[in-house]
C-alpha cells in the first residue's frame, strides 16, 4: 500500500528546494515528475531535493530523480539530493548512482555549499 506523498516547494537563494514526504513510487512518481519538470532553474543555480522524510523509493522514484537531474543539466544548473535515507543510498551505491548525484546531509548544508556563479567580466 502506498503512503500518501506530499511535495512542498520553497525557494532559496540558490534555487528551488523540493521536500518529499511519504512514498515515491509508481503511484506518486507522475505527480513529482510534473512538479520537478515545471520548476524554473537558472543557469548556475541549484535544485535541492530534500529526501529526509522519504519513507520509500522504488525504481519509478529513481527515474524521477534522474529526470530532475536531466532537467537541471538542460538549464545549466545542478541538482543536489539532501538527507538521502540509508535504504535509498544503498540502492544508489548498488546501481552506481552515487557517482551521478551530489548529496548533502541536509537541505541547509546543500544551500550553504552552493557557490553562486561568477559574473562574466566585461570586455
PDB file of N, CA and C in Angstrom:
ATOM      1  N   UNK A   1       0.842  -1.184   0.000  1.00  0.00           N
ATOM      2  CA  UNK A   1       0.000   0.000   0.000  1.00  0.00           C
ATOM      3  C   UNK A   1       0.887   1.246   0.000  1.00  0.00           C
ATOM      4  N   UNK A   2       0.539   2.184  -0.820  1.00  0.00           N
ATOM      5  CA  UNK A   2       1.304   3.410  -0.947  1.00  0.00           C
ATOM      6  C   UNK A   2       0.923   4.394   0.148  1.00  0.00           C
ATOM      7  N   UNK A   3       1.945   4.942   0.815  1.00  0.00           N
ATOM      8  CA  UNK A   3       1.706   6.048   1.734  1.00  0.00           C
ATOM      9  C   UNK A   3       1.561   7.296   0.894  1.00  0.00           C
ATOM     10  N   UNK A   4       0.683   8.166   1.309  1.00  0.00           N
ATOM     11  CA  UNK A   4       0.495   9.414   0.577  1.00  0.00           C
ATOM     12  C   UNK A   4       1.824  10.148   0.467  1.00  0.00           C
ATOM     13  N   UNK A   5       2.001  10.840  -0.606  1.00  0.00           N
ATOM     14  CA  UNK A   5       3.201  11.638  -0.809  1.00  0.00           C
ATOM     15  C   UNK A   5       2.801  13.096  -0.814  1.00  0.00           C
ATOM     16  N   UNK A   6       3.551  13.900  -0.078  1.00  0.00           N
ATOM     17  CA  UNK A   6       3.353  15.342  -0.149  1.00  0.00           C
ATOM     18  C   UNK A   6       4.620  15.955  -0.711  1.00  0.00           C
ATOM     19  N   UNK A   7       4.418  16.991  -1.486  1.00  0.00           N
ATOM     20  CA  UNK A   7       5.513  17.714  -2.116  1.00  0.00           C
ATOM     21  C   UNK A   7       5.402  19.162  -1.672  1.00  0.00           C
ATOM     22  N   UNK A   8       6.456  19.650  -1.049  1.00  0.00           N
ATOM     23  CA  UNK A   8       6.491  21.046  -0.619  1.00  0.00           C
ATOM     24  C   UNK A   8       7.652  21.712  -1.329  1.00  0.00           C
ATOM     25  N   UNK A   9       7.398  22.848  -1.947  1.00  0.00           N
ATOM     26  CA  UNK A   9       8.430  23.570  -2.677  1.00  0.00           C
ATOM     27  C   UNK A   9       8.623  24.942  -2.066  1.00  0.00           C
ATOM     28  N   UNK A  10       9.879  25.312  -1.928  1.00  0.00           N
ATOM     29  CA  UNK A  10      10.225  26.662  -1.472  1.00  0.00           C
ATOM     30  C   UNK A  10      11.416  27.139  -2.299  1.00  0.00           C
ATOM     31  N   UNK A  11      11.742  28.395  -2.149  1.00  0.00           N
ATOM     32  CA  UNK A  11      12.848  28.954  -2.917  1.00  0.00           C
ATOM     33  C   UNK A  11      13.940  29.423  -1.971  1.00  0.00           C
ATOM     34  N   UNK A  12      15.168  29.082  -2.312  1.00  0.00           N
ATOM     35  CA  UNK A  12      16.336  29.574  -1.578  1.00  0.00           C
ATOM     36  C   UNK A  12      17.109  30.504  -2.503  1.00  0.00           C
ATOM     37  N   UNK A  13      18.173  31.081  -1.997  1.00  0.00           N
ATOM     38  CA  UNK A  13      18.977  31.969  -2.853  1.00  0.00           C
ATOM     39  C   UNK A  13      19.631  31.201  -4.001  1.00  0.00           C
ATOM     40  N   UNK A  14      19.809  29.887  -3.820  1.00  0.00           N
ATOM     41  CA  UNK A  14      20.432  29.062  -4.860  1.00  0.00           C
ATOM     42  C   UNK A  14      19.430  28.589  -5.908  1.00  0.00           C
ATOM     43  N   UNK A  15      18.161  28.505  -5.522  1.00  0.00           N
ATOM     44  CA  UNK A  15      17.135  27.990  -6.420  1.00  0.00           C
ATOM     45  C   UNK A  15      16.082  27.225  -5.637  1.00  0.00           C
ATOM     46  N   UNK A  16      15.277  26.430  -6.316  1.00  0.00           N
ATOM     47  CA  UNK A  16      14.186  25.729  -5.644  1.00  0.00           C
ATOM     48  C   UNK A  16      14.667  24.596  -4.731  1.00  0.00           C
ATOM     49  N   UNK A  17      13.907  24.404  -3.664  1.00  0.00           N
ATOM     50  CA  UNK A  17      14.108  23.284  -2.744  1.00  0.00           C
ATOM     51  C   UNK A  17      12.793  22.527  -2.709  1.00  0.00           C
ATOM     52  N   UNK A  18      12.838  21.241  -3.001  1.00  0.00           N
ATOM     53  CA  UNK A  18      11.643  20.403  -3.025  1.00  0.00           C
ATOM     54  C   UNK A  18      11.765  19.369  -1.918  1.00  0.00           C
ATOM     55  N   UNK A  19      10.804  19.371  -1.006  1.00  0.00           N
ATOM     56  CA  UNK A  19      10.792  18.422   0.101  1.00  0.00           C
ATOM     57  C   UNK A  19       9.749  17.354  -0.188  1.00  0.00           C
ATOM     58  N   UNK A  20      10.183  16.087  -0.165  1.00  0.00           N
ATOM     59  CA  UNK A  20       9.286  14.964  -0.418  1.00  0.00           C
ATOM     60  C   UNK A  20       9.034  14.217   0.882  1.00  0.00           C
ATOM     61  N   UNK A  21       7.773  13.959   1.163  1.00  0.00           N
ATOM     62  CA  UNK A  21       7.384  13.226   2.369  1.00  0.00           C
ATOM     63  C   UNK A  21       6.459  12.090   1.961  1.00  0.00           C
ATOM     64  N   UNK A  22       6.826  10.858   2.336  1.00  0.00           N
ATOM     65  CA  UNK A  22       5.998   9.696   2.012  1.00  0.00           C
ATOM     66  C   UNK A  22       6.693   8.780   1.024  1.00  0.00           C
ATOM     67  N   UNK A  23       5.901   8.087   0.214  1.00  0.00           N
ATOM     68  CA  UNK A  23       6.415   7.109  -0.744  1.00  0.00           C
ATOM     69  C   UNK A  23       6.557   7.712  -2.138  1.00  0.00           C
ATOM     70  N   UNK A  24       7.726   7.540  -2.707  1.00  0.00           N
ATOM     71  CA  UNK A  24       7.962   7.926  -4.103  1.00  0.00           C
ATOM     72  C   UNK A  24       8.015   6.628  -4.898  1.00  0.00           C
ATOM     73  N   UNK A  25       6.879   6.299  -5.506  1.00  0.00           N
ATOM     74  CA  UNK A  25       6.763   5.026  -6.219  1.00  0.00           C
ATOM     75  C   UNK A  25       5.976   5.217  -7.502  1.00  0.00           C
ATOM     76  N   UNK A  26       5.604   4.127  -8.131  1.00  0.00           N
ATOM     77  CA  UNK A  26       4.930   4.230  -9.430  1.00  0.00           C
ATOM     78  C   UNK A  26       3.580   4.939  -9.340  1.00  0.00           C
ATOM     79  N   UNK A  27       2.975   4.989  -8.144  1.00  0.00           N
ATOM     80  CA  UNK A  27       1.706   5.719  -7.984  1.00  0.00           C
ATOM     81  C   UNK A  27       1.924   7.226  -7.878  1.00  0.00           C
ATOM     82  N   UNK A  28       2.999   7.621  -7.226  1.00  0.00           N
ATOM     83  CA  UNK A  28       3.222   9.043  -6.948  1.00  0.00           C
ATOM     84  C   UNK A  28       4.252   9.703  -7.868  1.00  0.00           C
ATOM     85  N   UNK A  29       5.006   8.902  -8.599  1.00  0.00           N
ATOM     86  CA  UNK A  29       6.062   9.433  -9.465  1.00  0.00           C
ATOM     87  C   UNK A  29       5.555  10.466 -10.485  1.00  0.00           C
ATOM     88  N   UNK A  30       4.411  10.248 -11.132  1.00  0.00           N
ATOM     89  CA  UNK A  30       3.967  11.247 -12.116  1.00  0.00           C
ATOM     90  C   UNK A  30       3.756  12.643 -11.516  1.00  0.00           C
ATOM     91  N   UNK A  31       3.219  12.697 -10.304  1.00  0.00           N
ATOM     92  CA  UNK A  31       2.999  13.991  -9.642  1.00  0.00           C
ATOM     93  C   UNK A  31       4.333  14.687  -9.377  1.00  0.00           C
ATOM     94  N   UNK A  32       5.295  13.944  -8.852  1.00  0.00           N
ATOM     95  CA  UNK A  32       6.600  14.525  -8.540  1.00  0.00           C
ATOM     96  C   UNK A  32       7.317  14.934  -9.818  1.00  0.00           C
ATOM     97  N   UNK A  33       7.244  14.099 -10.839  1.00  0.00           N
ATOM     98  CA  UNK A  33       7.877  14.424 -12.130  1.00  0.00           C
ATOM     99  C   UNK A  33       7.315  15.736 -12.675  1.00  0.00           C
ATOM    100  N   UNK A  34       5.999  15.911 -12.590  1.00  0.00           N
ATOM    101  CA  UNK A  34       5.373  17.136 -13.092  1.00  0.00           C
ATOM    102  C   UNK A  34       5.852  18.365 -12.320  1.00  0.00           C
ATOM    103  N   UNK A  35       5.943  18.246 -10.998  1.00  0.00           N
ATOM    104  CA  UNK A  35       6.416  19.369 -10.188  1.00  0.00           C
ATOM    105  C   UNK A  35       7.857  19.711 -10.545  1.00  0.00           C
ATOM    106  N   UNK A  36       8.726  18.700 -10.561  1.00  0.00           N
ATOM    107  CA  UNK A  36      10.143  18.940 -10.810  1.00  0.00           C
ATOM    108  C   UNK A  36      10.412  19.478 -12.202  1.00  0.00           C
ATOM    109  N   UNK A  37       9.739  18.945 -13.200  1.00  0.00           N
ATOM    110  CA  UNK A  37       9.998  19.403 -14.572  1.00  0.00           C
ATOM    111  C   UNK A  37       9.441  20.798 -14.825  1.00  0.00           C
ATOM    112  N   UNK A  38       8.520  21.256 -13.981  1.00  0.00           N
ATOM    113  CA  UNK A  38       7.957  22.594 -14.134  1.00  0.00           C
ATOM    114  C   UNK A  38       8.691  23.678 -13.372  1.00  0.00           C
ATOM    115  N   UNK A  39       9.722  23.304 -12.633  1.00  0.00           N
ATOM    116  CA  UNK A  39      10.444  24.298 -11.836  1.00  0.00           C
ATOM    117  C   UNK A  39      11.355  25.145 -12.716  1.00  0.00           C
ATOM    118  N   UNK A  40      11.315  26.458 -12.519  1.00  0.00           N
ATOM    119  CA  UNK A  40      12.246  27.311 -13.261  1.00  0.00           C
ATOM    120  C   UNK A  40      13.635  27.213 -12.635  1.00  0.00           C
ATOM    121  N   UNK A  41      14.629  26.922 -13.447  1.00  0.00           N
ATOM    122  CA  UNK A  41      16.010  26.814 -12.983  1.00  0.00           C
ATOM    123  C   UNK A  41      16.870  27.785 -13.763  1.00  0.00           C
ATOM    124  N   UNK A  42      17.710  28.501 -13.037  1.00  0.00           N
ATOM    125  CA  UNK A  42      18.603  29.468 -13.673  1.00  0.00           C
ATOM    126  C   UNK A  42      19.969  28.849 -13.927  1.00  0.00           C
ATOM    127  N   UNK A  43      20.634  29.266 -15.000  1.00  0.00           N
ATOM    128  CA  UNK A  43      21.998  28.787 -15.210  1.00  0.00           C
ATOM    129  C   UNK A  43      22.856  29.083 -13.977  1.00  0.00           C
ATOM    130  N   UNK A  44      23.579  28.076 -13.526  1.00  0.00           N
ATOM    131  CA  UNK A  44      24.408  28.228 -12.329  1.00  0.00           C
ATOM    132  C   UNK A  44      23.638  28.027 -11.032  1.00  0.00           C
ATOM    133  N   UNK A  45      22.332  27.842 -11.148  1.00  0.00           N
ATOM    134  CA  UNK A  45      21.502  27.650  -9.963  1.00  0.00           C
ATOM    135  C   UNK A  45      21.553  26.220  -9.476  1.00  0.00           C
ATOM    136  N   UNK A  46      20.782  25.972  -8.438  1.00  0.00           N
ATOM    137  CA  UNK A  46      20.794  24.667  -7.802  1.00  0.00           C
ATOM    138  C   UNK A  46      19.373  24.240  -7.459  1.00  0.00           C
ATOM    139  N   UNK A  47      19.070  23.005  -7.752  1.00  0.00           N
ATOM    140  CA  UNK A  47      17.815  22.381  -7.345  1.00  0.00           C
ATOM    141  C   UNK A  47      18.157  21.406  -6.230  1.00  0.00           C
ATOM    142  N   UNK A  48      17.571  21.612  -5.059  1.00  0.00           N
ATOM    143  CA  UNK A  48      17.777  20.705  -3.934  1.00  0.00           C
ATOM    144  C   UNK A  48      16.517  19.866  -3.775  1.00  0.00           C
ATOM    145  N   UNK A  49      16.698  18.554  -3.720  1.00  0.00           N
ATOM    146  CA  UNK A  49      15.591  17.643  -3.445  1.00  0.00           C
ATOM    147  C   UNK A  49      15.856  17.037  -2.080  1.00  0.00           C
ATOM    148  N   UNK A  50      15.031  17.428  -1.112  1.00  0.00           N
ATOM    149  CA  UNK A  50      15.186  17.015   0.277  1.00  0.00           C
ATOM    150  C   UNK A  50      14.423  15.717   0.493  1.00  0.00           C
ATOM    151  N   UNK A  51      15.155  14.646   0.780  1.00  0.00           N
ATOM    152  CA  UNK A  51      14.561  13.322   0.946  1.00  0.00           C
ATOM    153  C   UNK A  51      14.478  12.897   2.415  1.00  0.00           C
ATOM    154  N   UNK A  52      14.658  13.814   3.336  1.00  0.00           N
ATOM    155  CA  UNK A  52      14.699  13.479   4.768  1.00  0.00           C
ATOM    156  C   UNK A  52      13.460  12.725   5.239  1.00  0.00           C
ATOM    157  N   UNK A  53      12.314  13.039   4.674  1.00  0.00           N
ATOM    158  CA  UNK A  53      11.061  12.407   5.112  1.00  0.00           C
ATOM    159  C   UNK A  53      10.527  11.400   4.092  1.00  0.00           C
ATOM    160  N   UNK A  54      11.399  10.966   3.199  1.00  0.00           N
ATOM    161  CA  UNK A  54      11.010   9.956   2.221  1.00  0.00           C
ATOM    162  C   UNK A  54      10.986   8.595   2.910  1.00  0.00           C
ATOM    163  N   UNK A  55       9.852   7.905   2.836  1.00  0.00           N
ATOM    164  CA  UNK A  55       9.750   6.607   3.513  1.00  0.00           C
ATOM    165  C   UNK A  55      10.028   5.439   2.578  1.00  0.00           C
ATOM    166  N   UNK A  56       9.884   5.641   1.268  1.00  0.00           N
ATOM    167  CA  UNK A  56      10.087   4.557   0.314  1.00  0.00           C
ATOM    168  C   UNK A  56      10.382   5.151  -1.048  1.00  0.00           C
ATOM    169  N   UNK A  57      11.257   4.484  -1.812  1.00  0.00           N
ATOM    170  CA  UNK A  57      11.561   4.910  -3.181  1.00  0.00           C
ATOM    171  C   UNK A  57      11.806   3.667  -4.013  1.00  0.00           C
ATOM    172  N   UNK A  58      10.998   3.474  -5.055  1.00  0.00           N
ATOM    173  CA  UNK A  58      11.211   2.334  -5.953  1.00  0.00           C
ATOM    174  C   UNK A  58      11.897   2.824  -7.228  1.00  0.00           C
ATOM    175  N   UNK A  59      11.981   1.946  -8.210  1.00  0.00           N
ATOM    176  CA  UNK A  59      12.672   2.302  -9.454  1.00  0.00           C
ATOM    177  C   UNK A  59      11.995   3.468 -10.181  1.00  0.00           C
ATOM    178  N   UNK A  60      10.690   3.602 -10.039  1.00  0.00           N
ATOM    179  CA  UNK A  60       9.999   4.748 -10.651  1.00  0.00           C
ATOM    180  C   UNK A  60      10.463   6.048 -10.014  1.00  0.00           C
ATOM    181  N   UNK A  61      10.644   6.010  -8.701  1.00  0.00           N
ATOM    182  CA  UNK A  61      11.135   7.185  -7.984  1.00  0.00           C
ATOM    183  C   UNK A  61      12.548   7.544  -8.393  1.00  0.00           C
ATOM    184  N   UNK A  62      13.389   6.538  -8.552  1.00  0.00           N
ATOM    185  CA  UNK A  62      14.751   6.791  -9.007  1.00  0.00           C
ATOM    186  C   UNK A  62      14.733   7.408 -10.403  1.00  0.00           C
ATOM    187  N   UNK A  63      13.822   6.931 -11.247  1.00  0.00           N
ATOM    188  CA  UNK A  63      13.664   7.525 -12.575  1.00  0.00           C
ATOM    189  C   UNK A  63      13.282   8.991 -12.504  1.00  0.00           C
ATOM    190  N   UNK A  64      12.437   9.347 -11.545  1.00  0.00           N
ATOM    191  CA  UNK A  64      12.045  10.748 -11.358  1.00  0.00           C
ATOM    192  C   UNK A  64      13.259  11.589 -10.967  1.00  0.00           C
ATOM    193  N   UNK A  65      14.093  11.058 -10.089  1.00  0.00           N
ATOM    194  CA  UNK A  65      15.283  11.800  -9.676  1.00  0.00           C
ATOM    195  C   UNK A  65      16.251  11.986 -10.837  1.00  0.00           C
ATOM    196  N   UNK A  66      16.376  10.989 -11.675  1.00  0.00           N
ATOM    197  CA  UNK A  66      17.231  11.107 -12.858  1.00  0.00           C
ATOM    198  C   UNK A  66      16.652  12.132 -13.833  1.00  0.00           C
ATOM    199  N   UNK A  67      15.331  12.142 -13.986  1.00  0.00           N
ATOM    200  CA  UNK A  67      14.680  13.145 -14.833  1.00  0.00           C
ATOM    201  C   UNK A  67      14.933  14.550 -14.297  1.00  0.00           C
ATOM    202  N   UNK A  68      14.879  14.706 -12.973  1.00  0.00           N
ATOM    203  CA  UNK A  68      15.161  16.012 -12.362  1.00  0.00           C
ATOM    204  C   UNK A  68      16.595  16.439 -12.649  1.00  0.00           C
ATOM    205  N   UNK A  69      17.524  15.496 -12.581  1.00  0.00           N
ATOM    206  CA  UNK A  69      18.925  15.790 -12.888  1.00  0.00           C
ATOM    207  C   UNK A  69      19.057  16.250 -14.334  1.00  0.00           C
ATOM    208  N   UNK A  70      18.391  15.570 -15.248  1.00  0.00           N
ATOM    209  CA  UNK A  70      18.451  15.948 -16.659  1.00  0.00           C
ATOM    210  C   UNK A  70      17.848  17.328 -16.889  1.00  0.00           C
ATOM    211  N   UNK A  71      16.753  17.636 -16.185  1.00  0.00           N
ATOM    212  CA  UNK A  71      16.118  18.955 -16.276  1.00  0.00           C
ATOM    213  C   UNK A  71      17.104  20.036 -15.811  1.00  0.00           C
ATOM    214  N   UNK A  72      17.790  19.765 -14.694  1.00  0.00           N
ATOM    215  CA  UNK A  72      18.767  20.728 -14.179  1.00  0.00           C
ATOM    216  C   UNK A  72      19.926  20.911 -15.154  1.00  0.00           C
ATOM    217  N   UNK A  73      20.442  19.819 -15.690  1.00  0.00           N
ATOM    218  CA  UNK A  73      21.551  19.914 -16.639  1.00  0.00           C
ATOM    219  C   UNK A  73      21.160  20.709 -17.879  1.00  0.00           C
ATOM    220  N   UNK A  74      19.936  20.503 -18.353  1.00  0.00           N
ATOM    221  CA  UNK A  74      19.465  21.239 -19.533  1.00  0.00           C
ATOM    222  C   UNK A  74      19.396  22.735 -19.259  1.00  0.00           C
ATOM    223  N   UNK A  75      19.166  23.103 -18.004  1.00  0.00           N
ATOM    224  CA  UNK A  75      19.092  24.515 -17.619  1.00  0.00           C
ATOM    225  C   UNK A  75      20.453  25.051 -17.169  1.00  0.00           C
ATOM    226  N   UNK A  76      21.495  24.241 -17.299  1.00  0.00           N
ATOM    227  CA  UNK A  76      22.844  24.585 -16.846  1.00  0.00           C
ATOM    228  C   UNK A  76      22.878  24.855 -15.344  1.00  0.00           C
ATOM    229  N   UNK A  77      22.083  24.067 -14.620  1.00  0.00           N
ATOM    230  CA  UNK A  77      22.026  24.126 -13.163  1.00  0.00           C
ATOM    231  C   UNK A  77      22.468  22.763 -12.631  1.00  0.00           C
ATOM    232  N   UNK A  78      22.478  22.632 -11.326  1.00  0.00           N
ATOM    233  CA  UNK A  78      22.844  21.359 -10.706  1.00  0.00           C
ATOM    234  C   UNK A  78      21.702  20.894  -9.813  1.00  0.00           C
ATOM    235  N   UNK A  79      21.690  19.596  -9.568  1.00  0.00           N
ATOM    236  CA  UNK A  79      20.725  19.035  -8.623  1.00  0.00           C
ATOM    237  C   UNK A  79      21.514  18.401  -7.487  1.00  0.00           C
ATOM    238  N   UNK A  80      21.032  18.617  -6.264  1.00  0.00           N
ATOM    239  CA  UNK A  80      21.651  18.051  -5.072  1.00  0.00           C
ATOM    240  C   UNK A  80      20.560  17.324  -4.297  1.00  0.00           C
ATOM    241  N   UNK A  81      20.856  16.090  -3.911  1.00  0.00           N
ATOM    242  CA  UNK A  81      19.942  15.334  -3.071  1.00  0.00           C
ATOM    243  C   UNK A  81      20.370  15.531  -1.626  1.00  0.00           C
ATOM    244  N   UNK A  82      19.421  15.910  -0.779  1.00  0.00           N
ATOM    245  CA  UNK A  82      19.721  16.157   0.633  1.00  0.00           C
ATOM    246  C   UNK A  82      19.065  15.097   1.506  1.00  0.00           C
ATOM    247  N   UNK A  83      19.789  14.712   2.554  1.00  0.00           N
ATOM    248  CA  UNK A  83      19.284  13.787   3.572  1.00  0.00           C
ATOM    249  C   UNK A  83      18.758  12.494   2.956  1.00  0.00           C
ATOM    250  N   UNK A  84      19.578  11.883   2.110  1.00  0.00           N
ATOM    251  CA  UNK A  84      19.173  10.643   1.450  1.00  0.00           C
ATOM    252  C   UNK A  84      19.076   9.531   2.499  1.00  0.00           C
ATOM    253  N   UNK A  85      17.899   8.904   2.633  1.00  0.00           N
ATOM    254  CA  UNK A  85      17.754   7.820   3.609  1.00  0.00           C
ATOM    255  C   UNK A  85      18.711   6.667   3.288  1.00  0.00           C
ATOM    256  N   UNK A  86      19.149   5.960   4.319  1.00  0.00           N
ATOM    257  CA  UNK A  86      20.131   4.885   4.152  1.00  0.00           C
ATOM    258  C   UNK A  86      19.676   3.834   3.144  1.00  0.00           C
ATOM    259  N   UNK A  87      18.406   3.467   3.169  1.00  0.00           N
ATOM    260  CA  UNK A  87      17.931   2.423   2.248  1.00  0.00           C
ATOM    261  C   UNK A  87      17.993   2.891   0.791  1.00  0.00           C
ATOM    262  N   UNK A  88      17.784   4.169   0.550  1.00  0.00           N
ATOM    263  CA  UNK A  88      17.881   4.710  -0.812  1.00  0.00           C
ATOM    264  C   UNK A  88      19.352   4.861  -1.196  1.00  0.00           C
ATOM    265  N   UNK A  89      20.156   5.313  -0.263  1.00  0.00           N
ATOM    266  CA  UNK A  89      21.585   5.450  -0.506  1.00  0.00           C
ATOM    267  C   UNK A  89      22.201   4.105  -0.875  1.00  0.00           C
ATOM    268  N   UNK A  90      21.766   3.053  -0.218  1.00  0.00           N
ATOM    269  CA  UNK A  90      22.265   1.707  -0.512  1.00  0.00           C
ATOM    270  C   UNK A  90      21.940   1.314  -1.955  1.00  0.00           C
ATOM    271  N   UNK A  91      20.718   1.591  -2.390  1.00  0.00           N
ATOM    272  CA  UNK A  91      20.321   1.290  -3.770  1.00  0.00           C
ATOM    273  C   UNK A  91      21.179   2.095  -4.747  1.00  0.00           C
ATOM    274  N   UNK A  92      21.400   3.381  -4.449  1.00  0.00           N
ATOM    275  CA  UNK A  92      22.243   4.218  -5.311  1.00  0.00           C
ATOM    276  C   UNK A  92      23.637   3.618  -5.446  1.00  0.00           C
ATOM    277  N   UNK A  93      24.206   3.144  -4.332  1.00  0.00           N
ATOM    278  CA  UNK A  93      25.541   2.544  -4.388  1.00  0.00           C
ATOM    279  C   UNK A  93      25.534   1.282  -5.253  1.00  0.00           C
ATOM    280  N   UNK A  94      24.514   0.459  -5.102  1.00  0.00           N
ATOM    281  CA  UNK A  94      24.440  -0.800  -5.839  1.00  0.00           C
ATOM    282  C   UNK A  94      24.393  -0.557  -7.348  1.00  0.00           C
ATOM    283  N   UNK A  95      23.621   0.436  -7.774  1.00  0.00           N
ATOM    284  CA  UNK A  95      23.470   0.681  -9.212  1.00  0.00           C
ATOM    285  C   UNK A  95      24.412   1.771  -9.746  1.00  0.00           C
ATOM    286  N   UNK A  96      25.269   2.316  -8.888  1.00  0.00           N
ATOM    287  CA  UNK A  96      26.261   3.280  -9.327  1.00  0.00           C
ATOM    288  C   UNK A  96      25.797   4.724  -9.398  1.00  0.00           C
ATOM    289  N   UNK A  97      24.642   5.029  -8.829  1.00  0.00           N
ATOM    290  CA  UNK A  97      24.135   6.398  -8.920  1.00  0.00           C
ATOM    291  C   UNK A  97      24.786   7.361  -7.933  1.00  0.00           C
ATOM    292  N   UNK A  98      25.549   6.846  -6.973  1.00  0.00           N
ATOM    293  CA  UNK A  98      26.240   7.753  -6.059  1.00  0.00           C
ATOM    294  C   UNK A  98      27.281   8.568  -6.821  1.00  0.00           C
ATOM    295  N   UNK A  99      27.653   8.111  -8.008  1.00  0.00           N
ATOM    296  CA  UNK A  99      28.586   8.859  -8.852  1.00  0.00           C
ATOM    297  C   UNK A  99      27.866   9.875  -9.727  1.00  0.00           C
ATOM    298  N   UNK A 100      26.556   9.783  -9.786  1.00  0.00           N
ATOM    299  CA  UNK A 100      25.752  10.667 -10.636  1.00  0.00           C
ATOM    300  C   UNK A 100      25.209  11.854  -9.852  1.00  0.00           C
ATOM    301  N   UNK A 101      24.850  11.625  -8.598  1.00  0.00           N
ATOM    302  CA  UNK A 101      24.223  12.657  -7.777  1.00  0.00           C
ATOM    303  C   UNK A 101      25.176  13.187  -6.713  1.00  0.00           C
ATOM    304  N   UNK A 102      25.142  14.491  -6.549  1.00  0.00           N
ATOM    305  CA  UNK A 102      25.794  15.119  -5.408  1.00  0.00           C
ATOM    306  C   UNK A 102      24.817  15.027  -4.251  1.00  0.00           C
ATOM    307  N   UNK A 103      25.322  14.678  -3.074  1.00  0.00           N
ATOM    308  CA  UNK A 103      24.458  14.589  -1.902  1.00  0.00           C
ATOM    309  C   UNK A 103      25.014  15.468  -0.788  1.00  0.00           C
ATOM    310  N   UNK A 104      24.120  15.884   0.067  1.00  0.00           N
ATOM    311  CA  UNK A 104      24.464  16.642   1.269  1.00  0.00           C
ATOM    312  C   UNK A 104      23.650  16.071   2.421  1.00  0.00           C
ATOM    313  N   UNK A 105      24.139  16.194   3.657  1.00  0.00           N
ATOM    314  CA  UNK A 105      23.425  15.605   4.793  1.00  0.00           C
ATOM    315  C   UNK A 105      22.076  16.276   5.092  1.00  0.00           C
ATOM    316  N   UNK A 106      21.935  17.547   4.724  1.00  0.00           N
ATOM    317  CA  UNK A 106      20.684  18.276   4.945  1.00  0.00           C
ATOM    318  C   UNK A 106      20.473  19.276   3.816  1.00  0.00           C
ATOM    319  N   UNK A 107      19.243  19.758   3.709  1.00  0.00           N
ATOM    320  CA  UNK A 107      18.963  20.797   2.712  1.00  0.00           C
ATOM    321  C   UNK A 107      19.731  22.072   3.055  1.00  0.00           C
ATOM    322  N   UNK A 108      19.835  22.376   4.340  1.00  0.00           N
ATOM    323  CA  UNK A 108      20.585  23.568   4.752  1.00  0.00           C
ATOM    324  C   UNK A 108      22.054  23.451   4.345  1.00  0.00           C
ATOM    325  N   UNK A 109      22.634  22.262   4.487  1.00  0.00           N
ATOM    326  CA  UNK A 109      24.028  22.053   4.075  1.00  0.00           C
ATOM    327  C   UNK A 109      24.177  22.212   2.565  1.00  0.00           C
ATOM    328  N   UNK A 110      23.188  21.742   1.817  1.00  0.00           N
ATOM    329  CA  UNK A 110      23.220  21.889   0.359  1.00  0.00           C
ATOM    330  C   UNK A 110      23.170  23.359  -0.030  1.00  0.00           C
ATOM    331  N   UNK A 111      22.313  24.112   0.634  1.00  0.00           N
ATOM    332  CA  UNK A 111      22.205  25.534   0.346  1.00  0.00           C
ATOM    333  C   UNK A 111      23.498  26.260   0.708  1.00  0.00           C
ATOM    334  N   UNK A 112      24.102  25.891   1.836  1.00  0.00           N
ATOM    335  CA  UNK A 112      25.345  26.537   2.277  1.00  0.00           C
ATOM    336  C   UNK A 112      26.516  26.197   1.360  1.00  0.00           C
ATOM    337  N   UNK A 113      26.503  25.018   0.755  1.00  0.00           N
ATOM    338  CA  UNK A 113      27.607  24.589  -0.110  1.00  0.00           C
ATOM    339  C   UNK A 113      27.544  25.210  -1.500  1.00  0.00           C
ATOM    340  N   UNK A 114      26.390  25.754  -1.874  1.00  0.00           N
ATOM    341  CA  UNK A 114      26.237  26.318  -3.214  1.00  0.00           C
ATOM    342  C   UNK A 114      27.118  27.552  -3.364  1.00  0.00           C
ATOM    343  N   UNK A 115      27.795  27.617  -4.489  1.00  0.00           N
ATOM    344  CA  UNK A 115      28.636  28.766  -4.809  1.00  0.00           C
ATOM    345  C   UNK A 115      28.001  29.477  -5.999  1.00  0.00           C
ATOM    346  N   UNK A 116      27.594  30.734  -5.810  1.00  0.00           N
ATOM    347  CA  UNK A 116      26.986  31.469  -6.932  1.00  0.00           C
ATOM    348  C   UNK A 116      27.958  31.576  -8.092  1.00  0.00           C
ATOM    349  N   UNK A 117      27.424  31.505  -9.310  1.00  0.00           N
ATOM    350  CA  UNK A 117      28.319  31.646 -10.473  1.00  0.00           C
ATOM    351  C   UNK A 117      28.900  33.053 -10.534  1.00  0.00           C
ATOM    352  N   UNK A 118      30.117  33.142 -11.022  1.00  0.00           N
ATOM    353  CA  UNK A 118      30.743  34.440 -11.197  1.00  0.00           C
ATOM    354  C   UNK A 118      30.147  35.122 -12.416  1.00  0.00           C
ATOM    355  N   UNK A 119      30.003  36.410 -12.305  1.00  0.00           N
ATOM    356  CA  UNK A 119      29.525  37.168 -13.463  1.00  0.00           C
ATOM    357  C   UNK A 119      30.697  37.363 -14.418  1.00  0.00           C
ATOM    358  N   UNK A 120      30.403  37.239 -15.689  1.00  0.00           N
ATOM    359  CA  UNK A 120      31.449  37.411 -16.703  1.00  0.00           C
ATOM    360  C   UNK A 120      31.970  38.839 -16.673  1.00  0.00           C
ATOM    361  N   UNK A 121      33.266  38.975 -16.795  1.00  0.00           N
ATOM    362  CA  UNK A 121      33.878  40.309 -16.833  1.00  0.00           C
ATOM    363  C   UNK A 121      33.560  40.960 -18.162  1.00  0.00           C
ATOM    364  N   UNK A 122      33.358  42.241 -18.103  1.00  0.00           N
ATOM    365  CA  UNK A 122      33.090  42.982 -19.348  1.00  0.00           C
ATOM    366  C   UNK A 122      34.378  43.132 -20.135  1.00  0.00           C
ATOM    367  N   UNK A 123      34.241  43.009 -21.411  1.00  0.00           N
ATOM    368  CA  UNK A 123      35.429  43.124 -22.279  1.00  0.00           C
ATOM    369  C   UNK A 123      35.724  44.553 -22.623  1.00  0.00           C
TER     370      UNK A 123
END
